[in-house]
Amino acid sequence: MLEIIALIYLTRRVGEIAREKGRKAGWFKFMTVVLWFGCEIGGGIVGGVASAVAGWPDAVAYLFALVGAAVGAGLSILIVKTLPVRDAALMQPPPPPPAFG
């Protein structure tokens, strides 16, 4: 439950940062969710293998999964914060060509 609340807060924050930089927020929110779950699954797999090889308890795999989710969250924030700001003048369509005649 706490993970879902954290993910909702994180996606909203990433969307705000993207909008402040003149970007559409939807794709960055989607990227945040994919990074969160992808890194969580990857961390769980690494933790499962590590606990099986080293003989650690199974709870270690869950801890690795949580660390993986945190890494995914950090990556999403880092990616959005390093985006350059889009200039409003560049987002305007070019003026129509002059009419002759």
PDB file of N, CA and C in Angstrom:
ATOM      1  N   MET A   1       0.821  -1.194   0.000  1.00  0.00           N
ATOM      2  CA  MET A   1       0.000   0.000   0.000  1.00  0.00           C
ATOM      3  C   MET A   1       0.862   1.254   0.000  1.00  0.00           C
ATOM      4  N   LEU A   2       1.898   1.253   0.816  1.00  0.00           N
ATOM      5  CA  LEU A   2       2.774   2.426   0.861  1.00  0.00           C
ATOM      6  C   LEU A   2       3.511   2.626  -0.465  1.00  0.00           C
ATOM      7  N   GLU A   3       3.834   1.514  -1.131  1.00  0.00           N
ATOM      8  CA  GLU A   3       4.505   1.635  -2.425  1.00  0.00           C
ATOM      9  C   GLU A   3       3.598   2.309  -3.451  1.00  0.00           C
ATOM     10  N   ILE A   4       2.311   1.981  -3.429  1.00  0.00           N
ATOM     11  CA  ILE A   4       1.370   2.587  -4.373  1.00  0.00           C
ATOM     12  C   ILE A   4       1.243   4.078  -4.105  1.00  0.00           C
ATOM     13  N   ILE A   5       1.155   4.458  -2.854  1.00  0.00           N
ATOM     14  CA  ILE A   5       1.072   5.885  -2.506  1.00  0.00           C
ATOM     15  C   ILE A   5       2.342   6.611  -2.943  1.00  0.00           C
ATOM     16  N   ALA A   6       3.497   5.984  -2.704  1.00  0.00           N
ATOM     17  CA  ALA A   6       4.766   6.591  -3.121  1.00  0.00           C
ATOM     18  C   ALA A   6       4.841   6.729  -4.635  1.00  0.00           C
ATOM     19  N   LEU A   7       4.371   5.726  -5.361  1.00  0.00           N
ATOM     20  CA  LEU A   7       4.404   5.780  -6.825  1.00  0.00           C
ATOM     21  C   LEU A   7       3.469   6.862  -7.362  1.00  0.00           C
ATOM     22  N   ILE A   8       2.304   7.008  -6.758  1.00  0.00           N
ATOM     23  CA  ILE A   8       1.379   8.062  -7.187  1.00  0.00           C
ATOM     24  C   ILE A   8       2.005   9.437  -6.948  1.00  0.00           C
ATOM     25  N   TYR A   9       2.582   9.627  -5.771  1.00  0.00           N
ATOM     26  CA  TYR A   9       3.236  10.908  -5.475  1.00  0.00           C
ATOM     27  C   TYR A   9       4.378  11.159  -6.451  1.00  0.00           C
ATOM     28  N   LEU A  10       5.178  10.134  -6.715  1.00  0.00           N
ATOM     29  CA  LEU A  10       6.332  10.285  -7.598  1.00  0.00           C
ATOM     30  C   LEU A  10       5.918  10.635  -9.023  1.00  0.00           C
ATOM     31  N   THR A  11       4.881   9.956  -9.542  1.00  0.00           N
ATOM     32  CA  THR A  11       4.459  10.268 -10.905  1.00  0.00           C
ATOM     33  C   THR A  11       3.895  11.683 -11.006  1.00  0.00           C
ATOM     34  N   ARG A  12       3.198  12.133  -9.982  1.00  0.00           N
ATOM     35  CA  ARG A  12       2.708  13.521  -9.995  1.00  0.00           C
ATOM     36  C   ARG A  12       3.866  14.505  -9.983  1.00  0.00           C
ATOM     37  N   ARG A  13       4.861  14.234  -9.167  1.00  0.00           N
ATOM     38  CA  ARG A  13       6.024  15.135  -9.070  1.00  0.00           C
ATOM     39  C   ARG A  13       6.800  15.169 -10.380  1.00  0.00           C
ATOM     40  N   VAL A  14       6.993  14.005 -10.990  1.00  0.00           N
ATOM     41  CA  VAL A  14       7.687  13.947 -12.282  1.00  0.00           C
ATOM     42  C   VAL A  14       6.893  14.719 -13.334  1.00  0.00           C
ATOM     43  N   GLY A  15       5.576  14.597 -13.318  1.00  0.00           N
ATOM     44  CA  GLY A  15       4.747  15.348 -14.256  1.00  0.00           C
ATOM     45  C   GLY A  15       4.863  16.849 -14.067  1.00  0.00           C
ATOM     46  N   GLU A  16       4.921  17.295 -12.807  1.00  0.00           N
ATOM     47  CA  GLU A  16       5.085  18.730 -12.535  1.00  0.00           C
ATOM     48  C   GLU A  16       6.422  19.234 -13.064  1.00  0.00           C
ATOM     49  N   ILE A  17       7.475  18.478 -12.832  1.00  0.00           N
ATOM     50  CA  ILE A  17       8.806  18.893 -13.295  1.00  0.00           C
ATOM     51  C   ILE A  17       8.828  18.952 -14.816  1.00  0.00           C
ATOM     52  N   ALA A  18       8.225  17.953 -15.472  1.00  0.00           N
ATOM     53  CA  ALA A  18       8.199  17.933 -16.938  1.00  0.00           C
ATOM     54  C   ALA A  18       7.429  19.131 -17.484  1.00  0.00           C
ATOM     55  N   ARG A  19       6.288  19.457 -16.873  1.00  0.00           N
ATOM     56  CA  ARG A  19       5.517  20.613 -17.339  1.00  0.00           C
ATOM     57  C   ARG A  19       6.265  21.915 -17.128  1.00  0.00           C
ATOM     58  N   GLU A  20       6.999  22.027 -16.018  1.00  0.00           N
ATOM     59  CA  GLU A  20       7.791  23.241 -15.768  1.00  0.00           C
ATOM     60  C   GLU A  20       8.859  23.430 -16.842  1.00  0.00           C
ATOM     61  N   LYS A  21       9.295  22.341 -17.432  1.00  0.00           N
ATOM     62  CA  LYS A  21      10.333  22.414 -18.459  1.00  0.00           C
ATOM     63  C   LYS A  21       9.743  22.472 -19.862  1.00  0.00           C
ATOM     64  N   GLY A  22       8.425  22.621 -19.946  1.00  0.00           N
ATOM     65  CA  GLY A  22       7.771  22.777 -21.244  1.00  0.00           C
ATOM     66  C   GLY A  22       7.556  21.467 -21.975  1.00  0.00           C
ATOM     67  N   ARG A  23       7.497  20.356 -21.268  1.00  0.00           N
ATOM     68  CA  ARG A  23       7.313  19.044 -21.882  1.00  0.00           C
ATOM     69  C   ARG A  23       5.936  18.487 -21.536  1.00  0.00           C
ATOM     70  N   LYS A  24       5.509  17.504 -22.321  1.00  0.00           N
ATOM     71  CA  LYS A  24       4.272  16.800 -22.007  1.00  0.00           C
ATOM     72  C   LYS A  24       4.572  15.798 -20.900  1.00  0.00           C
ATOM     73  N   ALA A  25       3.704  15.733 -19.925  1.00  0.00           N
ATOM     74  CA  ALA A  25       3.985  14.938 -18.729  1.00  0.00           C
ATOM     75  C   ALA A  25       3.656  13.458 -18.875  1.00  0.00           C
ATOM     76  N   GLY A  26       2.783  13.089 -19.767  1.00  0.00           N
ATOM     77  CA  GLY A  26       2.295  11.714 -19.862  1.00  0.00           C
ATOM     78  C   GLY A  26       3.380  10.678 -20.068  1.00  0.00           C
ATOM     79  N   TRP A  27       4.258  10.922 -21.028  1.00  0.00           N
ATOM     80  CA  TRP A  27       5.311   9.943 -21.314  1.00  0.00           C
ATOM     81  C   TRP A  27       6.294   9.832 -20.154  1.00  0.00           C
ATOM     82  N   PHE A  28       6.544  10.914 -19.483  1.00  0.00           N
ATOM     83  CA  PHE A  28       7.478  10.863 -18.355  1.00  0.00           C
ATOM     84  C   PHE A  28       6.853  10.148 -17.161  1.00  0.00           C
ATOM     85  N   LYS A  29       5.547  10.283 -16.980  1.00  0.00           N
ATOM     86  CA  LYS A  29       4.863   9.528 -15.935  1.00  0.00           C
ATOM     87  C   LYS A  29       4.898   8.038 -16.249  1.00  0.00           C
ATOM     88  N   PHE A  30       4.668   7.694 -17.510  1.00  0.00           N
ATOM     89  CA  PHE A  30       4.740   6.296 -17.935  1.00  0.00           C
ATOM     90  C   PHE A  30       6.146   5.744 -17.726  1.00  0.00           C
ATOM     91  N   MET A  31       7.159   6.532 -18.080  1.00  0.00           N
ATOM     92  CA  MET A  31       8.551   6.123 -17.879  1.00  0.00           C
ATOM     93  C   MET A  31       8.825   5.863 -16.401  1.00  0.00           C
ATOM     94  N   THR A  32       8.254   6.680 -15.525  1.00  0.00           N
ATOM     95  CA  THR A  32       8.452   6.519 -14.093  1.00  0.00           C
ATOM     96  C   THR A  32       7.895   5.181 -13.612  1.00  0.00           C
ATOM     97  N   VAL A  33       6.704   4.842 -14.052  1.00  0.00           N
ATOM     98  CA  VAL A  33       6.089   3.583 -13.644  1.00  0.00           C
ATOM     99  C   VAL A  33       6.892   2.394 -14.177  1.00  0.00           C
ATOM    100  N   VAL A  34       7.321   2.473 -15.439  1.00  0.00           N
ATOM    101  CA  VAL A  34       8.099   1.381 -16.028  1.00  0.00           C
ATOM    102  C   VAL A  34       9.440   1.223 -15.314  1.00  0.00           C
ATOM    103  N   LEU A  35      10.117   2.327 -15.028  1.00  0.00           N
ATOM    104  CA  LEU A  35      11.385   2.233 -14.305  1.00  0.00           C
ATOM    105  C   LEU A  35      11.189   1.682 -12.894  1.00  0.00           C
ATOM    106  N   TRP A  36      10.143   2.124 -12.214  1.00  0.00           N
ATOM    107  CA  TRP A  36       9.871   1.641 -10.856  1.00  0.00           C
ATOM    108  C   TRP A  36       9.720   0.117 -10.861  1.00  0.00           C
ATOM    109  N   PHE A  37       8.769  -0.378 -11.675  1.00  0.00           N
ATOM    110  CA  PHE A  37       8.496  -1.812 -11.659  1.00  0.00           C
ATOM    111  C   PHE A  37       9.623  -2.623 -12.295  1.00  0.00           C
ATOM    112  N   GLY A  38      10.231  -2.101 -13.349  1.00  0.00           N
ATOM    113  CA  GLY A  38      11.338  -2.815 -13.979  1.00  0.00           C
ATOM    114  C   GLY A  38      12.520  -2.992 -13.046  1.00  0.00           C
ATOM    115  N   CYS A  39      12.898  -1.930 -12.368  1.00  0.00           N
ATOM    116  CA  CYS A  39      14.017  -2.019 -11.423  1.00  0.00           C
ATOM    117  C   CYS A  39      13.639  -2.833 -10.188  1.00  0.00           C
ATOM    118  N   GLU A  40      12.368  -2.790  -9.792  1.00  0.00           N
ATOM    119  CA  GLU A  40      11.936  -3.596  -8.647  1.00  0.00           C
ATOM    120  C   GLU A  40      12.010  -5.085  -8.986  1.00  0.00           C
ATOM    121  N   ILE A  41      11.563  -5.450 -10.168  1.00  0.00           N
ATOM    122  CA  ILE A  41      11.645  -6.854 -10.588  1.00  0.00           C
ATOM    123  C   ILE A  41      13.098  -7.280 -10.732  1.00  0.00           C
ATOM    124  N   GLY A  42      13.903  -6.412 -11.355  1.00  0.00           N
ATOM    125  CA  GLY A  42      15.325  -6.730 -11.492  1.00  0.00           C
ATOM    126  C   GLY A  42      16.016  -6.887 -10.149  1.00  0.00           C
ATOM    127  N   GLY A  43      15.710  -6.010  -9.220  1.00  0.00           N
ATOM    128  CA  GLY A  43      16.285  -6.108  -7.880  1.00  0.00           C
ATOM    129  C   GLY A  43      15.832  -7.359  -7.163  1.00  0.00           C
ATOM    130  N   GLY A  44      14.574  -7.749  -7.356  1.00  0.00           N
ATOM    131  CA  GLY A  44      14.074  -8.976  -6.752  1.00  0.00           C
ATOM    132  C   GLY A  44      14.771 -10.213  -7.299  1.00  0.00           C
ATOM    133  N   ILE A  45      15.029 -10.212  -8.608  1.00  0.00           N
ATOM    134  CA  ILE A  45      15.737 -11.336  -9.220  1.00  0.00           C
ATOM    135  C   ILE A  45      17.165 -11.413  -8.692  1.00  0.00           C
ATOM    136  N   VAL A  46      17.852 -10.277  -8.663  1.00  0.00           N
ATOM    137  CA  VAL A  46      19.223 -10.251  -8.143  1.00  0.00           C
ATOM    138  C   VAL A  46      19.239 -10.676  -6.677  1.00  0.00           C
ATOM    139  N   GLY A  47      18.298 -10.177  -5.903  1.00  0.00           N
ATOM    140  CA  GLY A  47      18.225 -10.549  -4.493  1.00  0.00           C
ATOM    141  C   GLY A  47      17.906 -12.017  -4.295  1.00  0.00           C
ATOM    142  N   GLY A  48      17.035 -12.560  -5.129  1.00  0.00           N
ATOM    143  CA  GLY A  48      16.708 -13.983  -5.041  1.00  0.00           C
ATOM    144  C   GLY A  48      17.897 -14.864  -5.347  1.00  0.00           C
ATOM    145  N   VAL A  49      18.634 -14.490  -6.385  1.00  0.00           N
ATOM    146  CA  VAL A  49      19.833 -15.253  -6.731  1.00  0.00           C
ATOM    147  C   VAL A  49      20.882 -15.122  -5.631  1.00  0.00           C
ATOM    148  N   ALA A  50      21.066 -13.908  -5.140  1.00  0.00           N
ATOM    149  CA  ALA A  50      22.070 -13.695  -4.093  1.00  0.00           C
ATOM    150  C   ALA A  50      21.699 -14.446  -2.815  1.00  0.00           C
ATOM    151  N   SER A  51      20.434 -14.443  -2.448  1.00  0.00           N
ATOM    152  CA  SER A  51      20.041 -15.149  -1.228  1.00  0.00           C
ATOM    153  C   SER A  51      20.136 -16.659  -1.402  1.00  0.00           C
ATOM    154  N   ALA A  52      19.887 -17.159  -2.615  1.00  0.00           N
ATOM    155  CA  ALA A  52      20.006 -18.596  -2.852  1.00  0.00           C
ATOM    156  C   ALA A  52      21.466 -19.043  -2.829  1.00  0.00           C
ATOM    157  N   VAL A  53      22.343 -18.236  -3.420  1.00  0.00           N
ATOM    158  CA  VAL A  53      23.762 -18.601  -3.469  1.00  0.00           C
ATOM    159  C   VAL A  53      24.406 -18.466  -2.093  1.00  0.00           C
ATOM    160  N   ALA A  54      24.098 -17.386  -1.382  1.00  0.00           N
ATOM    161  CA  ALA A  54      24.753 -17.125  -0.100  1.00  0.00           C
ATOM    162  C   ALA A  54      24.034 -17.778   1.075  1.00  0.00           C
ATOM    163  N   GLY A  55      22.846 -18.319   0.855  1.00  0.00           N
ATOM    164  CA  GLY A  55      22.111 -18.940   1.943  1.00  0.00           C
ATOM    165  C   GLY A  55      21.444 -17.947   2.873  1.00  0.00           C
ATOM    166  N   TRP A  56      21.173 -16.740   2.388  1.00  0.00           N
ATOM    167  CA  TRP A  56      20.498 -15.722   3.187  1.00  0.00           C
ATOM    168  C   TRP A  56      19.013 -16.026   3.263  1.00  0.00           C
ATOM    169  N   PRO A  57      18.304 -15.407   4.203  1.00  0.00           N
ATOM    170  CA  PRO A  57      16.838 -15.592   4.244  1.00  0.00           C
ATOM    171  C   PRO A  57      16.165 -14.982   3.014  1.00  0.00           C
ATOM    172  N   ASP A  58      14.939 -15.433   2.746  1.00  0.00           N
ATOM    173  CA  ASP A  58      14.209 -14.953   1.563  1.00  0.00           C
ATOM    174  C   ASP A  58      13.844 -13.477   1.648  1.00  0.00           C
ATOM    175  N   ALA A  59      13.823 -12.922   2.844  1.00  0.00           N
ATOM    176  CA  ALA A  59      13.489 -11.501   3.001  1.00  0.00           C
ATOM    177  C   ALA A  59      14.521 -10.602   2.333  1.00  0.00           C
ATOM    178  N   VAL A  60      15.724 -11.122   2.123  1.00  0.00           N
ATOM    179  CA  VAL A  60      16.768 -10.333   1.461  1.00  0.00           C
ATOM    180  C   VAL A  60      16.351 -10.011   0.027  1.00  0.00           C
ATOM    181  N   ALA A  61      15.680 -10.946  -0.631  1.00  0.00           N
ATOM    182  CA  ALA A  61      15.215 -10.696  -1.999  1.00  0.00           C
ATOM    183  C   ALA A  61      14.239  -9.529  -2.025  1.00  0.00           C
ATOM    184  N   TYR A  62      13.366  -9.453  -1.026  1.00  0.00           N
ATOM    185  CA  TYR A  62      12.411  -8.350  -0.955  1.00  0.00           C
ATOM    186  C   TYR A  62      13.132  -7.026  -0.711  1.00  0.00           C
ATOM    187  N   LEU A  63      14.138  -7.037   0.128  1.00  0.00           N
ATOM    188  CA  LEU A  63      14.923  -5.814   0.361  1.00  0.00           C
ATOM    189  C   LEU A  63      15.621  -5.359  -0.914  1.00  0.00           C
ATOM    190  N   PHE A  64      16.169  -6.302  -1.672  1.00  0.00           N
ATOM    191  CA  PHE A  64      16.780  -5.956  -2.955  1.00  0.00           C
ATOM    192  C   PHE A  64      15.739  -5.363  -3.902  1.00  0.00           C
ATOM    193  N   ALA A  65      14.522  -5.908  -3.885  1.00  0.00           N
ATOM    194  CA  ALA A  65      13.452  -5.381  -4.737  1.00  0.00           C
ATOM    195  C   ALA A  65      13.098  -3.953  -4.351  1.00  0.00           C
ATOM    196  N   LEU A  66      13.040  -3.669  -3.052  1.00  0.00           N
ATOM    197  CA  LEU A  66      12.755  -2.302  -2.609  1.00  0.00           C
ATOM    198  C   LEU A  66      13.863  -1.336  -3.017  1.00  0.00           C
ATOM    199  N   VAL A  67      15.098  -1.795  -2.899  1.00  0.00           N
ATOM    200  CA  VAL A  67      16.219  -0.948  -3.331  1.00  0.00           C
ATOM    201  C   VAL A  67      16.144  -0.715  -4.840  1.00  0.00           C
ATOM    202  N   GLY A  68      15.767  -1.747  -5.589  1.00  0.00           N
ATOM    203  CA  GLY A  68      15.603  -1.594  -7.037  1.00  0.00           C
ATOM    204  C   GLY A  68      14.525  -0.583  -7.383  1.00  0.00           C
ATOM    205  N   ALA A  69      13.419  -0.607  -6.657  1.00  0.00           N
ATOM    206  CA  ALA A  69      12.345   0.371  -6.895  1.00  0.00           C
ATOM    207  C   ALA A  69      12.833   1.779  -6.594  1.00  0.00           C
ATOM    208  N   ALA A  70      13.603   1.930  -5.533  1.00  0.00           N
ATOM    209  CA  ALA A  70      14.148   3.247  -5.196  1.00  0.00           C
ATOM    210  C   ALA A  70      15.117   3.726  -6.279  1.00  0.00           C
ATOM    211  N   VAL A  71      15.901   2.810  -6.822  1.00  0.00           N
ATOM    212  CA  VAL A  71      16.821   3.175  -7.912  1.00  0.00           C
ATOM    213  C   VAL A  71      16.014   3.625  -9.136  1.00  0.00           C
ATOM    214  N   GLY A  72      14.951   2.909  -9.464  1.00  0.00           N
ATOM    215  CA  GLY A  72      14.102   3.302 -10.591  1.00  0.00           C
ATOM    216  C   GLY A  72      13.477   4.669 -10.379  1.00  0.00           C
ATOM    217  N   ALA A  73      13.030   4.941  -9.151  1.00  0.00           N
ATOM    218  CA  ALA A  73      12.456   6.253  -8.840  1.00  0.00           C
ATOM    219  C   ALA A  73      13.505   7.346  -8.977  1.00  0.00           C
ATOM    220  N   GLY A  74      14.690   7.075  -8.470  1.00  0.00           N
ATOM    221  CA  GLY A  74      15.770   8.054  -8.581  1.00  0.00           C
ATOM    222  C   GLY A  74      16.154   8.323 -10.024  1.00  0.00           C
ATOM    223  N   LEU A  75      16.185   7.273 -10.844  1.00  0.00           N
ATOM    224  CA  LEU A  75      16.501   7.458 -12.268  1.00  0.00           C
ATOM    225  C   LEU A  75      15.452   8.318 -12.963  1.00  0.00           C
ATOM    226  N   SER A  76      14.187   8.099 -12.659  1.00  0.00           N
ATOM    227  CA  SER A  76      13.142   8.887 -13.317  1.00  0.00           C
ATOM    228  C   SER A  76      13.252  10.361 -12.936  1.00  0.00           C
ATOM    229  N   ILE A  77      13.511  10.648 -11.673  1.00  0.00           N
ATOM    230  CA  ILE A  77      13.693  12.039 -11.247  1.00  0.00           C
ATOM    231  C   ILE A  77      14.926  12.641 -11.925  1.00  0.00           C
ATOM    232  N   LEU A  78      16.007  11.875 -11.966  1.00  0.00           N
ATOM    233  CA  LEU A  78      17.249  12.367 -12.575  1.00  0.00           C
ATOM    234  C   LEU A  78      17.061  12.673 -14.057  1.00  0.00           C
ATOM    235  N   ILE A  79      16.371  11.792 -14.757  1.00  0.00           N
ATOM    236  CA  ILE A  79      16.150  12.004 -16.196  1.00  0.00           C
ATOM    237  C   ILE A  79      15.336  13.265 -16.437  1.00  0.00           C
ATOM    238  N   VAL A  80      14.266  13.459 -15.683  1.00  0.00           N
ATOM    239  CA  VAL A  80      13.399  14.625 -15.894  1.00  0.00           C
ATOM    240  C   VAL A  80      14.102  15.911 -15.482  1.00  0.00           C
ATOM    241  N   LYS A  81      14.877  15.862 -14.412  1.00  0.00           N
ATOM    242  CA  LYS A  81      15.555  17.084 -13.967  1.00  0.00           C
ATOM    243  C   LYS A  81      16.685  17.504 -14.908  1.00  0.00           C
ATOM    244  N   THR A  82      17.266  16.571 -15.654  1.00  0.00           N
ATOM    245  CA  THR A  82      18.351  16.921 -16.567  1.00  0.00           C
ATOM    246  C   THR A  82      17.848  17.361 -17.939  1.00  0.00           C
ATOM    247  N   LEU A  83      16.540  17.335 -18.157  1.00  0.00           N
ATOM    248  CA  LEU A  83      16.003  17.802 -19.434  1.00  0.00           C
ATOM    249  C   LEU A  83      16.246  19.302 -19.597  1.00  0.00           C
ATOM    250  N   PRO A  84      16.586  19.726 -20.804  1.00  0.00           N
ATOM    251  CA  PRO A  84      16.683  21.169 -21.015  1.00  0.00           C
ATOM    252  C   PRO A  84      15.295  21.795 -21.082  1.00  0.00           C
ATOM    253  N   VAL A  85      15.215  23.047 -20.716  1.00  0.00           N
ATOM    254  CA  VAL A  85      13.950  23.777 -20.759  1.00  0.00           C
ATOM    255  C   VAL A  85      13.654  24.117 -22.208  1.00  0.00           C
ATOM    256  N   ARG A  86      12.423  23.835 -22.618  1.00  0.00           N
ATOM    257  CA  ARG A  86      12.023  24.203 -23.975  1.00  0.00           C
ATOM    258  C   ARG A  86      11.661  25.669 -23.999  1.00  0.00           C
ATOM    259  N   ASP A  87      12.187  26.374 -24.985  1.00  0.00           N
ATOM    260  CA  ASP A  87      11.889  27.786 -25.143  1.00  0.00           C
ATOM    261  C   ASP A  87      10.502  27.929 -25.761  1.00  0.00           C
ATOM    262  N   ALA A  88       9.703  28.819 -25.216  1.00  0.00           N
ATOM    263  CA  ALA A  88       8.341  29.019 -25.709  1.00  0.00           C
ATOM    264  C   ALA A  88       8.349  29.495 -27.161  1.00  0.00           C
ATOM    265  N   ALA A  89       9.360  30.262 -27.556  1.00  0.00           N
ATOM    266  CA  ALA A  89       9.432  30.744 -28.940  1.00  0.00           C
ATOM    267  C   ALA A  89       9.683  29.591 -29.898  1.00  0.00           C
ATOM    268  N   LEU A  90      10.401  28.575 -29.464  1.00  0.00           N
ATOM    269  CA  LEU A  90      10.662  27.434 -30.333  1.00  0.00           C
ATOM    270  C   LEU A  90       9.429  26.546 -30.490  1.00  0.00           C
ATOM    271  N   MET A  91       8.511  26.620 -29.558  1.00  0.00           N
ATOM    272  CA  MET A  91       7.320  25.783 -29.620  1.00  0.00           C
ATOM    273  C   MET A  91       6.245  26.386 -30.522  1.00  0.00           C
ATOM    274  N   GLN A  92       6.375  27.638 -30.939  1.00  0.00           N
ATOM    275  CA  GLN A  92       5.403  28.297 -31.800  1.00  0.00           C
ATOM    276  C   GLN A  92       5.610  27.822 -33.248  1.00  0.00           C
ATOM    277  N   PRO A  93       4.531  27.635 -34.010  1.00  0.00           N
ATOM    278  CA  PRO A  93       4.700  27.280 -35.419  1.00  0.00           C
ATOM    279  C   PRO A  93       5.283  28.467 -36.190  1.00  0.00           C
ATOM    280  N   PRO A  94       5.990  28.211 -37.254  1.00  0.00           N
ATOM    281  CA  PRO A  94       6.572  29.319 -38.034  1.00  0.00           C
ATOM    282  C   PRO A  94       5.472  30.148 -38.703  1.00  0.00           C
ATOM    283  N   PRO A  95       5.732  31.400 -38.949  1.00  0.00           N
ATOM    284  CA  PRO A  95       4.711  32.235 -39.623  1.00  0.00           C
ATOM    285  C   PRO A  95       4.507  31.759 -41.055  1.00  0.00           C
ATOM    286  N   PRO A  96       3.337  32.025 -41.628  1.00  0.00           N
ATOM    287  CA  PRO A  96       3.098  31.597 -43.014  1.00  0.00           C
ATOM    288  C   PRO A  96       3.970  32.409 -43.972  1.00  0.00           C
ATOM    289  N   PRO A  97       4.275  31.842 -45.114  1.00  0.00           N
ATOM    290  CA  PRO A  97       5.097  32.586 -46.088  1.00  0.00           C
ATOM    291  C   PRO A  97       4.314  33.781 -46.623  1.00  0.00           C
ATOM    292  N   PRO A  98       5.029  34.813 -47.055  1.00  0.00           N
ATOM    293  CA  PRO A  98       4.326  36.004 -47.576  1.00  0.00           C
ATOM    294  C   PRO A  98       3.596  35.661 -48.881  1.00  0.00           C
ATOM    295  N   ALA A  99       2.442  36.277 -49.052  1.00  0.00           N
ATOM    296  CA  ALA A  99       1.635  36.060 -50.261  1.00  0.00           C
ATOM    297  C   ALA A  99       2.075  37.040 -51.334  1.00  0.00           C
ATOM    298  N   PHE A 100       2.268  36.543 -52.531  1.00  0.00           N
ATOM    299  CA  PHE A 100       2.639  37.405 -53.660  1.00  0.00           C
ATOM    300  C   PHE A 100       1.420  37.604 -54.538  1.00  0.00           C
ATOM    301  N   GLY A 101       1.227  38.802 -54.917  1.00  0.00           N
ATOM    302  CA  GLY A 101       0.159  38.989 -55.870  1.00  0.00           C
ATOM    303  C   GLY A 101      -0.694  40.085 -55.600  1.00  0.00           C
TER     304      GLY A 101
END
